[in-house]
Amino acid sequence: MLATAMVIFLFAFILVGISLLPQVLLPFSGVYFVIGSFLIFASLGILIINLTCDSRYYCLGLFN
C-alpha cells in the first residue's frame, strides 16, 4: 500500500509539473493541475493512514 501511494504521489507531481507549461504547448493545462492536486491529497491521506497504523503496531510491539 505504501508503494502504491508513492506511485500515485509521483504521478501527481508529474501532472502538476505538466500543468506549468504554457497554454500554447498544452491546452487545458489547468485540468492537469486539478487532477494532480486531487491525487496528491489522496496519496498523502493514504500515506498518513498507513504511517499511523504502522507506528501504532511498532509502538505496541506487535511486529516481531
N, C-alpha and C. Protein backbone atom coordinates (compact mmCIF):
# COMPACT_ATOMS: atom_id res chain seq x y z
N MET A 1 0.83 -1.19 0.00
CA MET A 1 0.00 0.00 0.00
C MET A 1 0.87 1.26 0.00
N LEU A 2 2.00 1.17 0.65
CA LEU A 2 2.91 2.30 0.69
C LEU A 2 3.49 2.58 -0.69
N ALA A 3 3.84 1.53 -1.41
CA ALA A 3 4.39 1.70 -2.75
C ALA A 3 3.34 2.27 -3.70
N THR A 4 2.11 1.85 -3.57
CA THR A 4 1.04 2.38 -4.41
C THR A 4 0.84 3.86 -4.17
N ALA A 5 0.86 4.26 -2.91
CA ALA A 5 0.70 5.68 -2.59
C ALA A 5 1.86 6.50 -3.14
N MET A 6 3.05 5.95 -3.11
CA MET A 6 4.21 6.67 -3.64
C MET A 6 4.13 6.81 -5.16
N VAL A 7 3.66 5.78 -5.84
CA VAL A 7 3.50 5.85 -7.30
C VAL A 7 2.46 6.90 -7.66
N ILE A 8 1.34 6.92 -6.94
CA ILE A 8 0.30 7.93 -7.18
C ILE A 8 0.85 9.32 -6.91
N PHE A 9 1.65 9.45 -5.84
CA PHE A 9 2.24 10.73 -5.46
C PHE A 9 3.17 11.24 -6.56
N LEU A 10 4.02 10.37 -7.10
CA LEU A 10 4.93 10.78 -8.17
C LEU A 10 4.17 11.12 -9.46
N PHE A 11 3.15 10.33 -9.78
CA PHE A 11 2.34 10.62 -10.96
C PHE A 11 1.64 11.97 -10.83
N ALA A 12 1.18 12.28 -9.62
CA ALA A 12 0.53 13.57 -9.38
C ALA A 12 1.51 14.71 -9.55
N PHE A 13 2.74 14.54 -9.07
CA PHE A 13 3.74 15.59 -9.25
C PHE A 13 4.06 15.81 -10.73
N ILE A 14 4.06 14.74 -11.51
CA ILE A 14 4.29 14.87 -12.95
C ILE A 14 3.15 15.66 -13.59
N LEU A 15 1.91 15.35 -13.21
CA LEU A 15 0.76 16.08 -13.76
C LEU A 15 0.80 17.56 -13.39
N VAL A 16 1.16 17.86 -12.14
CA VAL A 16 1.24 19.26 -11.73
C VAL A 16 2.38 19.95 -12.47
N GLY A 17 3.48 19.26 -12.68
CA GLY A 17 4.59 19.83 -13.43
C GLY A 17 4.22 20.11 -14.88
N ILE A 18 3.45 19.21 -15.49
CA ILE A 18 2.99 19.42 -16.86
C ILE A 18 2.08 20.63 -16.93
N SER A 19 1.31 20.86 -15.89
CA SER A 19 0.37 21.98 -15.91
C SER A 19 1.07 23.33 -15.92
N LEU A 20 2.36 23.36 -15.60
CA LEU A 20 3.10 24.62 -15.61
C LEU A 20 3.54 25.03 -17.02
N LEU A 21 3.34 24.15 -18.00
CA LEU A 21 3.66 24.50 -19.39
C LEU A 21 2.70 25.57 -19.89
N PRO A 22 3.15 26.39 -20.84
CA PRO A 22 2.25 27.43 -21.37
C PRO A 22 1.04 26.83 -22.10
N GLN A 23 -0.01 27.62 -22.19
CA GLN A 23 -1.24 27.18 -22.85
C GLN A 23 -1.01 26.88 -24.33
N VAL A 24 -0.02 27.51 -24.94
CA VAL A 24 0.25 27.28 -26.36
C VAL A 24 0.73 25.85 -26.59
N LEU A 25 1.56 25.35 -25.68
CA LEU A 25 2.09 24.00 -25.83
C LEU A 25 1.10 22.92 -25.39
N LEU A 26 0.33 23.21 -24.36
CA LEU A 26 -0.56 22.20 -23.81
C LEU A 26 -1.90 22.83 -23.46
N PRO A 27 -2.91 22.64 -24.31
CA PRO A 27 -4.23 23.18 -23.97
C PRO A 27 -4.82 22.46 -22.76
N PHE A 28 -5.65 23.15 -22.04
CA PHE A 28 -6.33 22.62 -20.86
C PHE A 28 -5.35 22.17 -19.78
N SER A 29 -4.25 22.92 -19.60
CA SER A 29 -3.26 22.53 -18.60
C SER A 29 -3.80 22.70 -17.18
N GLY A 30 -4.84 23.51 -17.01
CA GLY A 30 -5.44 23.66 -15.69
C GLY A 30 -6.07 22.38 -15.20
N VAL A 31 -6.56 21.57 -16.13
CA VAL A 31 -7.16 20.28 -15.76
C VAL A 31 -6.11 19.37 -15.14
N TYR A 32 -4.89 19.39 -15.71
CA TYR A 32 -3.82 18.57 -15.16
C TYR A 32 -3.48 19.00 -13.74
N PHE A 33 -3.54 20.31 -13.48
CA PHE A 33 -3.25 20.81 -12.14
C PHE A 33 -4.31 20.35 -11.15
N VAL A 34 -5.57 20.41 -11.55
CA VAL A 34 -6.66 19.99 -10.66
C VAL A 34 -6.58 18.49 -10.37
N ILE A 35 -6.38 17.69 -11.40
CA ILE A 35 -6.28 16.24 -11.20
C ILE A 35 -5.05 15.90 -10.37
N GLY A 36 -3.92 16.56 -10.67
CA GLY A 36 -2.70 16.32 -9.90
C GLY A 36 -2.86 16.70 -8.45
N SER A 37 -3.51 17.82 -8.19
CA SER A 37 -3.72 18.24 -6.80
C SER A 37 -4.60 17.25 -6.05
N PHE A 38 -5.65 16.77 -6.70
CA PHE A 38 -6.51 15.77 -6.07
C PHE A 38 -5.73 14.50 -5.75
N LEU A 39 -4.90 14.06 -6.70
CA LEU A 39 -4.12 12.85 -6.47
C LEU A 39 -3.10 13.03 -5.35
N ILE A 40 -2.53 14.24 -5.25
CA ILE A 40 -1.58 14.50 -4.16
C ILE A 40 -2.28 14.39 -2.81
N PHE A 41 -3.45 14.99 -2.68
CA PHE A 41 -4.18 14.90 -1.41
C PHE A 41 -4.60 13.47 -1.11
N ALA A 42 -5.02 12.73 -2.12
CA ALA A 42 -5.42 11.34 -1.90
C ALA A 42 -4.24 10.48 -1.47
N SER A 43 -3.11 10.65 -2.15
CA SER A 43 -1.94 9.83 -1.79
C SER A 43 -1.37 10.23 -0.44
N LEU A 44 -1.41 11.51 -0.09
CA LEU A 44 -0.96 11.92 1.24
C LEU A 44 -1.86 11.34 2.32
N GLY A 45 -3.16 11.27 2.05
CA GLY A 45 -4.07 10.65 3.01
C GLY A 45 -3.76 9.17 3.20
N ILE A 46 -3.49 8.47 2.10
CA ILE A 46 -3.12 7.05 2.20
C ILE A 46 -1.83 6.89 2.97
N LEU A 47 -0.84 7.75 2.69
CA LEU A 47 0.44 7.67 3.40
C LEU A 47 0.28 7.94 4.89
N ILE A 48 -0.51 8.94 5.24
CA ILE A 48 -0.69 9.28 6.66
C ILE A 48 -1.40 8.14 7.39
N ILE A 49 -2.44 7.59 6.79
CA ILE A 49 -3.15 6.47 7.42
C ILE A 49 -2.22 5.28 7.58
N ASN A 50 -1.43 4.99 6.55
CA ASN A 50 -0.52 3.85 6.60
C ASN A 50 0.55 4.06 7.66
N LEU A 51 1.11 5.25 7.74
CA LEU A 51 2.16 5.51 8.72
C LEU A 51 1.63 5.48 10.15
N THR A 52 0.42 5.99 10.36
CA THR A 52 -0.12 5.96 11.72
C THR A 52 -0.45 4.53 12.15
N CYS A 53 -0.97 3.73 11.24
CA CYS A 53 -1.26 2.34 11.59
C CYS A 53 0.03 1.58 11.86
N ASP A 54 1.06 1.78 11.02
CA ASP A 54 2.33 1.10 11.23
C ASP A 54 3.00 1.55 12.52
N SER A 55 2.96 2.84 12.82
CA SER A 55 3.61 3.32 14.04
C SER A 55 2.89 2.80 15.28
N ARG A 56 1.58 2.64 15.18
CA ARG A 56 0.83 2.08 16.31
C ARG A 56 1.26 0.65 16.58
N TYR A 57 1.44 -0.14 15.51
CA TYR A 57 1.89 -1.52 15.68
C TYR A 57 3.31 -1.57 16.23
N TYR A 58 4.17 -0.67 15.74
CA TYR A 58 5.54 -0.65 16.24
C TYR A 58 5.59 -0.24 17.70
N CYS A 59 4.78 0.73 18.08
CA CYS A 59 4.77 1.19 19.47
C CYS A 59 4.23 0.12 20.42
N LEU A 60 3.27 -0.65 19.94
CA LEU A 60 2.71 -1.70 20.78
C LEU A 60 3.56 -2.97 20.78
N GLY A 61 4.53 -3.03 19.88
CA GLY A 61 5.42 -4.19 19.82
C GLY A 61 4.77 -5.40 19.18
N LEU A 62 3.83 -5.17 18.26
CA LEU A 62 3.14 -6.30 17.62
C LEU A 62 3.95 -6.90 16.49
N PHE A 63 4.91 -6.13 15.94
CA PHE A 63 5.79 -6.68 14.90
C PHE A 63 6.97 -7.36 15.58
N ASN A 64 7.23 -8.59 15.22
CA ASN A 64 8.36 -9.30 15.83
C ASN A 64 9.49 -9.44 14.84
